Protein backbone atom coordinates (compact mmCIF):
# COMPACT_ATOMS: atom_id res chain seq x y z
CA MET A 1 0.00 0.00 0.00
CA ALA A 2 2.85 2.40 0.76
CA GLY A 3 4.04 1.99 -2.84
CA ILE A 4 0.64 3.00 -4.19
CA LEU A 5 0.56 6.07 -1.95
CA ASP A 6 4.02 7.12 -3.11
CA SER A 7 3.00 6.60 -6.74
CA VAL A 8 -0.08 8.77 -6.35
CA ASN A 9 1.98 11.59 -4.87
CA GLN A 10 4.49 11.42 -7.72
CA ARG A 11 2.20 10.81 -10.66
CA THR A 12 -0.34 13.54 -9.91
CA GLN A 13 2.34 15.87 -11.27
CA LEU A 14 2.36 14.18 -14.69
CA VAL A 15 0.39 15.06 -17.79
CA GLY A 16 0.78 13.28 -21.12
CA GLN A 17 -0.88 13.89 -24.41
CA ASN A 18 -3.99 11.72 -24.81
CA ARG A 19 -2.99 9.44 -21.95
CA LEU A 20 -4.06 8.92 -18.37
CA GLU A 21 -3.10 6.97 -15.32
CA LEU A 22 -5.84 5.06 -13.53
CA LEU A 23 -5.86 4.12 -9.88
CA LEU A 24 -7.61 0.74 -9.76
CA PHE A 25 -9.90 -0.08 -6.85
CA LYS A 26 -12.76 -2.37 -5.82
CA LEU A 27 -16.09 -1.70 -4.16
CA VAL A 28 -18.10 -4.77 -3.10
CA GLY A 29 -17.32 -7.84 -5.18
CA ARG A 30 -14.70 -8.69 -7.81
CA GLN A 31 -15.48 -5.88 -10.28
CA ARG A 32 -12.64 -3.39 -10.66
CA PHE A 33 -13.06 0.35 -11.10
CA GLY A 34 -10.73 3.18 -11.99
CA ILE A 35 -10.23 6.86 -11.16
CA ASN A 36 -7.85 9.27 -12.89
CA VAL A 37 -4.76 9.75 -10.73
CA PHE A 38 -4.69 13.46 -11.62
CA LYS A 39 -7.77 13.92 -9.44
CA VAL A 40 -6.38 11.97 -6.48
CA ARG A 41 -4.77 13.82 -3.60
CA GLU A 42 -4.20 10.88 -1.30
CA VAL A 43 -5.16 7.28 -0.55
CA MET A 44 -5.39 6.13 3.05
CA PRO A 45 -6.88 3.46 5.28
CA CYS A 46 -10.35 4.61 6.31
CA PRO A 47 -9.99 6.92 9.32
CA ARG A 48 -12.51 7.19 12.13
CA LEU A 49 -15.73 8.63 10.73
CA THR A 50 -18.20 10.87 12.50
CA THR A 51 -21.87 10.59 11.59
CA LEU A 52 -23.72 13.89 11.27
CA PRO A 53 -27.46 14.47 11.87
CA LYS A 54 -29.55 14.32 8.69
CA GLN A 55 -26.53 13.56 6.50
CA ASP A 56 -27.15 12.28 2.99
CA LYS A 57 -27.78 8.53 2.85
CA TYR A 58 -24.73 8.02 0.61
CA ILE A 59 -22.35 9.80 2.98
CA LYS A 60 -20.74 7.38 5.40
CA GLY A 61 -19.59 10.17 7.69
CA VAL A 62 -17.04 12.96 7.90
CA ALA A 63 -13.35 12.75 8.71
CA HIS A 64 -10.81 15.34 9.81
CA ILE A 65 -7.88 14.98 7.43
CA ARG A 66 -4.91 17.36 7.29
CA GLY A 67 -6.86 20.24 8.78
CA GLN A 68 -9.94 19.74 6.59
CA THR A 69 -13.32 18.26 7.39
CA ILE A 70 -14.10 15.97 4.44
CA SER A 71 -17.31 14.11 3.63
CA VAL A 72 -16.69 10.43 2.89
CA ILE A 73 -19.05 9.00 0.26
CA ASP A 74 -19.82 5.28 0.12
CA LEU A 75 -18.98 4.83 -3.55
CA SER A 76 -20.66 1.43 -3.71
CA LYS A 77 -23.97 2.52 -2.21
CA SER A 78 -24.07 5.76 -4.21
CA THR A 79 -23.91 3.77 -7.47
CA GLY A 80 -26.71 1.37 -6.56
CA GLY A 81 -24.57 -1.34 -4.98
CA PRO A 82 -24.50 -2.74 -1.45
CA GLU A 83 -23.20 -0.63 1.41
CA ILE A 84 -19.56 -0.99 2.42
CA VAL A 85 -19.92 -2.17 6.01
CA GLN A 86 -16.39 -2.98 7.18
CA THR A 87 -14.86 0.50 7.20
CA ALA A 88 -11.96 -0.67 9.35
CA ASP A 89 -10.73 -2.81 6.44
CA SER A 90 -11.54 -0.23 3.76
CA PHE A 91 -9.74 2.73 2.20
CA VAL A 92 -10.59 6.33 1.38
CA ILE A 93 -9.56 7.96 -1.89
CA ILE A 94 -9.24 11.71 -1.31
CA ALA A 95 -10.01 13.42 -4.61
CA GLU A 96 -10.71 16.91 -5.91
CA TYR A 97 -13.63 17.45 -8.26
CA ASN A 98 -15.23 20.72 -9.28
CA ARG A 99 -13.26 22.86 -6.83
CA SER A 100 -14.12 20.76 -3.77
CA VAL A 101 -12.47 17.86 -1.96
CA GLN A 102 -14.31 14.60 -1.32
CA GLY A 103 -13.46 11.25 0.18
CA PHE A 104 -14.61 8.08 -1.61
CA LEU A 105 -14.93 4.97 0.53
CA VAL A 106 -13.77 1.85 -1.35
CA SER A 107 -13.19 -1.73 -0.25
CA GLY A 108 -9.71 -2.09 -1.66
CA VAL A 109 -7.06 -0.31 -3.72
CA GLU A 110 -4.86 -2.22 -6.17
CA ARG A 111 -2.34 -0.35 -8.34
CA ILE A 112 -1.84 2.38 -10.92
CA VAL A 113 -1.86 1.63 -14.64
CA THR A 114 -0.92 3.90 -17.55
CA LEU A 115 -3.22 3.90 -20.58
CA SER A 116 -3.95 5.88 -23.71
CA TRP A 117 -7.33 7.55 -23.96
CA LYS A 118 -7.66 5.56 -27.18
CA ASP A 119 -7.95 2.48 -24.96
CA ILE A 120 -10.79 4.05 -22.98
CA MET A 121 -14.17 3.47 -24.60
CA PRO A 122 -17.65 4.89 -23.99
CA PRO A 123 -19.93 2.63 -21.90
CA PRO A 124 -22.08 0.09 -23.77
CA GLU A 125 -25.19 1.52 -25.37
CA GLY A 126 -27.38 -0.79 -23.30
CA ALA A 127 -26.15 0.73 -20.05
CA GLY A 128 -29.08 3.17 -20.10
CA LYS A 129 -29.53 6.61 -18.59
CA SER A 130 -29.35 5.25 -15.05
CA SER A 131 -25.80 3.94 -15.58
CA TYR A 132 -23.07 5.46 -13.45
CA LEU A 133 -20.40 4.58 -16.00
CA THR A 134 -18.68 7.25 -18.03
CA ALA A 135 -16.21 4.88 -19.71
CA VAL A 136 -14.82 1.35 -19.72
CA THR A 137 -11.48 -0.25 -20.56
CA GLU A 138 -9.87 -3.68 -20.48
CA ILE A 139 -7.00 -4.54 -18.16
CA ASP A 140 -5.65 -8.08 -17.62
CA ASN A 141 -8.48 -9.40 -19.82
CA GLU A 142 -11.08 -7.95 -17.45
CA MET A 143 -13.37 -4.95 -17.87
CA VAL A 144 -12.62 -1.96 -15.67
CA SER A 145 -15.37 0.59 -15.18
CA ILE A 146 -14.73 4.33 -14.86
CA LEU A 147 -17.49 5.95 -12.87
CA ASP A 148 -19.27 9.19 -13.71
CA VAL A 149 -18.22 10.92 -10.51
CA GLU A 150 -19.86 14.19 -11.57
CA LYS A 151 -23.21 12.41 -11.75
CA ILE A 152 -22.69 10.89 -8.30
CA LEU A 153 -21.76 14.23 -6.74
CA ASN A 154 -24.63 16.04 -8.45
CA GLU A 155 -27.15 13.56 -7.02
CA ILE A 156 -25.78 14.11 -3.52
CA SER A 157 -25.44 17.88 -3.81
CA PRO A 158 -27.04 19.27 -7.00
CA ILE A 159 -25.16 22.12 -8.67
CA SER A 160 -27.13 25.22 -9.65
CA THR A 161 -26.92 26.12 -13.33
CA GLU A 162 -28.70 29.46 -12.97
CA LEU A 163 -26.90 32.60 -14.06
CA SER A 164 -26.75 35.66 -11.84
CA GLU A 165 -28.73 38.74 -12.76
CA GLY A 166 -26.81 40.71 -15.34
CA ILE A 167 -24.95 37.72 -16.75
CA ALA A 168 -27.85 36.33 -18.77
CA ASP A 169 -28.12 38.12 -22.11
CA ASP A 170 -30.07 36.57 -24.99
CA THR A 171 -28.81 39.25 -27.38
CA ILE A 172 -25.59 37.20 -27.56
CA GLY A 173 -27.53 34.54 -29.44
CA GLU A 174 -28.87 37.15 -31.84
CA GLU A 175 -25.31 38.28 -32.62
CA VAL A 176 -24.13 34.69 -33.17
CA GLY A 177 -27.07 33.95 -35.44
CA ASP A 178 -27.34 30.43 -36.84
CA ARG A 179 -23.86 29.39 -35.75
CA VAL A 180 -23.68 26.73 -33.04
CA ILE A 181 -21.76 26.27 -29.81
CA MET A 182 -20.39 22.73 -29.47
CA ILE A 183 -20.19 21.13 -26.02
CA ALA A 184 -17.97 18.05 -25.71
CA ASP A 185 -18.13 16.08 -22.46
CA ASP A 186 -18.35 12.37 -21.68
CA SER A 187 -20.59 12.99 -18.66
CA THR A 188 -24.24 13.38 -19.59
CA VAL A 189 -24.78 15.35 -16.39
CA ALA A 190 -21.92 17.74 -17.19
CA ARG A 191 -23.11 18.27 -20.79
CA ASN A 192 -26.58 19.15 -19.58
CA GLN A 193 -25.23 21.46 -16.88
CA VAL A 194 -23.32 23.47 -19.48
CA LYS A 195 -26.31 23.48 -21.84
CA ARG A 196 -28.71 24.73 -19.17
CA ALA A 197 -26.25 27.40 -18.00
CA LEU A 198 -25.85 28.82 -21.51
CA GLU A 199 -29.49 28.67 -22.60
CA PRO A 200 -30.19 32.19 -21.18
CA LEU A 201 -27.66 33.52 -23.71
CA GLY A 202 -29.94 32.44 -26.54
CA LEU A 203 -27.37 30.12 -28.10
CA THR A 204 -27.91 27.06 -30.29
CA MET A 205 -25.88 24.16 -28.90
CA LEU A 206 -24.58 20.95 -30.41
CA LEU A 207 -23.53 18.11 -28.08
CA ALA A 208 -20.70 15.59 -28.40
CA LYS A 209 -20.10 12.64 -26.05
CA ASN A 210 -16.29 12.69 -26.26
CA GLY A 211 -13.35 14.22 -28.14
CA GLN A 212 -13.47 11.81 -31.06
CA ASP A 213 -17.22 12.35 -31.49
CA ALA A 214 -16.65 16.12 -31.43
CA LEU A 215 -13.88 15.94 -34.02
CA ASN A 216 -15.98 13.71 -36.29
CA GLN A 217 -18.91 16.13 -36.13
CA LEU A 218 -16.69 19.15 -36.73
CA GLU A 219 -15.06 17.52 -39.77
CA VAL A 220 -18.50 16.91 -41.31
CA ILE A 221 -19.57 20.50 -40.64
CA ALA A 222 -16.27 21.87 -42.00
CA GLY A 223 -16.94 19.99 -45.23
CA ASP A 224 -20.04 22.16 -45.75
CA CYS A 225 -18.18 25.44 -45.13
CA GLN A 226 -16.76 27.46 -47.99
CA ASN A 227 -13.70 28.59 -46.05
CA SER A 228 -13.53 28.38 -42.25
CA LEU A 229 -15.46 26.27 -39.75
CA THR A 230 -16.30 29.54 -37.99
CA GLU A 231 -18.99 30.03 -40.65
CA LYS A 232 -21.08 27.44 -38.77
CA VAL A 233 -19.40 26.87 -35.37
CA ALA A 234 -18.81 29.89 -33.15
CA LEU A 235 -17.13 28.20 -30.17
CA LEU A 236 -16.14 24.83 -28.69
CA ILE A 237 -16.42 24.06 -24.96
CA SER A 238 -14.59 20.83 -24.18
CA ASP A 239 -13.94 18.65 -21.17
CA ILE A 240 -10.37 17.31 -20.89
CA GLU A 241 -10.91 13.76 -19.64
CA MET A 242 -12.86 11.85 -22.30
CA PRO A 243 -12.82 8.35 -23.82
CA GLU A 244 -11.12 7.78 -27.18
CA MET A 245 -9.72 11.33 -27.41
CA ASP A 246 -9.10 13.78 -24.59
CA GLY A 247 -9.70 17.53 -24.76
CA TYR A 248 -6.03 18.40 -25.16
CA THR A 249 -5.70 16.18 -28.23
CA LEU A 250 -9.02 17.41 -29.63
CA THR A 251 -7.82 21.01 -29.32
CA ALA A 252 -4.47 20.21 -30.92
CA GLU A 253 -6.24 18.48 -33.84
CA ILE A 254 -8.50 21.49 -34.36
CA LYS A 255 -5.65 24.01 -34.22
CA ALA A 256 -3.62 21.94 -36.70
CA ASN A 257 -6.47 21.97 -39.22
CA GLU A 258 -6.47 25.01 -41.50
CA ARG A 259 -10.26 25.04 -41.84
CA MET A 260 -10.92 24.61 -38.10
CA ARG A 261 -8.12 26.49 -36.32
CA ASP A 262 -9.99 29.80 -35.96
CA VAL A 263 -12.73 28.30 -33.78
CA PRO A 264 -12.13 29.47 -30.16
CA VAL A 265 -11.75 26.58 -27.67
CA ILE A 266 -12.58 26.77 -23.97
CA LEU A 267 -11.37 23.80 -21.91
CA HIS A 268 -13.87 23.22 -19.11
CA THR A 269 -12.82 20.56 -16.65
CA SER A 270 -12.90 19.26 -13.10
CA LEU A 271 -9.11 18.86 -13.29
CA SER A 272 -7.12 21.62 -11.63
CA GLY A 273 -3.51 22.60 -11.19
CA VAL A 274 -0.67 24.55 -12.74
CA PHE A 275 0.05 21.81 -15.29
CA ASN A 276 -3.26 22.57 -16.98
CA ASN A 277 -2.23 26.14 -17.72
CA ALA A 278 0.90 24.91 -19.46
CA MET A 279 -1.06 22.38 -21.51
CA VAL A 280 -3.73 24.93 -22.44
CA GLU A 281 -1.02 27.13 -23.94
CA LYS A 282 0.74 24.19 -25.58
CA VAL A 283 -2.31 22.93 -27.49
CA GLY A 284 -3.57 26.41 -28.37
CA ALA A 285 -6.81 26.63 -26.41
CA GLN A 286 -8.14 30.14 -25.83
CA ASP A 287 -9.26 29.65 -22.21
CA PHE A 288 -9.41 27.24 -19.26
CA ILE A 289 -12.38 27.28 -16.88
CA PRO A 290 -12.49 24.89 -13.88
CA LYS A 291 -15.88 23.25 -13.36
CA PHE A 292 -18.47 24.25 -12.44
CA HIS A 293 -19.44 27.89 -11.97
CA PRO A 294 -22.12 28.97 -14.45
CA ASP A 295 -21.36 32.70 -14.19
CA GLU A 296 -17.65 32.17 -14.94
CA LEU A 297 -18.42 29.91 -17.88
CA ALA A 298 -21.05 32.23 -19.34
CA THR A 299 -18.74 35.25 -18.92
CA ALA A 300 -15.94 33.42 -20.77
CA VAL A 301 -18.33 32.36 -23.54
CA LYS A 302 -19.54 35.94 -23.98
CA LYS A 303 -15.95 37.20 -24.01
CA TRP A 304 -14.79 34.86 -26.77
CA LEU A 305 -17.92 35.24 -28.86
CA LYS A 306 -17.54 38.99 -28.77
CA HIS A 307 -13.83 38.63 -29.51
CA ASP A 308 -14.72 36.47 -32.50
CA GLU A 309 -17.20 39.08 -33.74
CA ALA A 310 -14.60 41.82 -33.41
CA SER A 311 -11.84 39.92 -35.23
């Protein structure tokens, strides 16, 4: 276990083009799951938990860790599985999503594996809307499931998508006209959050379920443009972590394409850290907005749409 902890501390500093490192873990049963190491702060044996009055049914309790009070979510129960009962034999993955720190209670932690996003596939079509999977991959001839953590967190503590007074402005849509805003995100919840937040701007939005899907759609649209893709697409908002093709690679592909390169790209992600700023500049994205604050996102969208109009 000490080796895994050391690896997490070291590897959270790494970023590679279209690759990720998964921390493998188990809930209840033999099925293995994975979480991106870039989101992991620490892995530890489950500390003593304190139960709070009227706490959410999926929260096992709170723990005081390194000066912070952190909610510990039973990751098995919150995804429709059985409750993790033996906390003394379990572990907590401390992770940062959407500007907040959470603890995920898991039964066991295995190891870290390095993969290409090309090896990460969307969940099977038959998984349905109730599925908590955002992607799957194969390791050691077994399927590993990557959970839609944003969906889990939103069910426990729903995020408001309403814009503050003065931010909403449907005249932006009138200025953009028939051109669309593309939203690329592998989480259905995250895609819909962005869509709802931007609806008060009067924009027409086109959705893509990952980077490869977004690139495929953009290539088709570009084929119908006389010169630049900006004739039909005003802006791209893309997640970074996505199956098949991540947001960094998607941005690099767009900026390397003469017909697409003028489309502004905003990377919108639950990842955080200095390394993102360097990668944003490297791939040529126009902006980086950590998830999820609707006013910040809408303000950035308005900024780049107006910049596009002025250029």
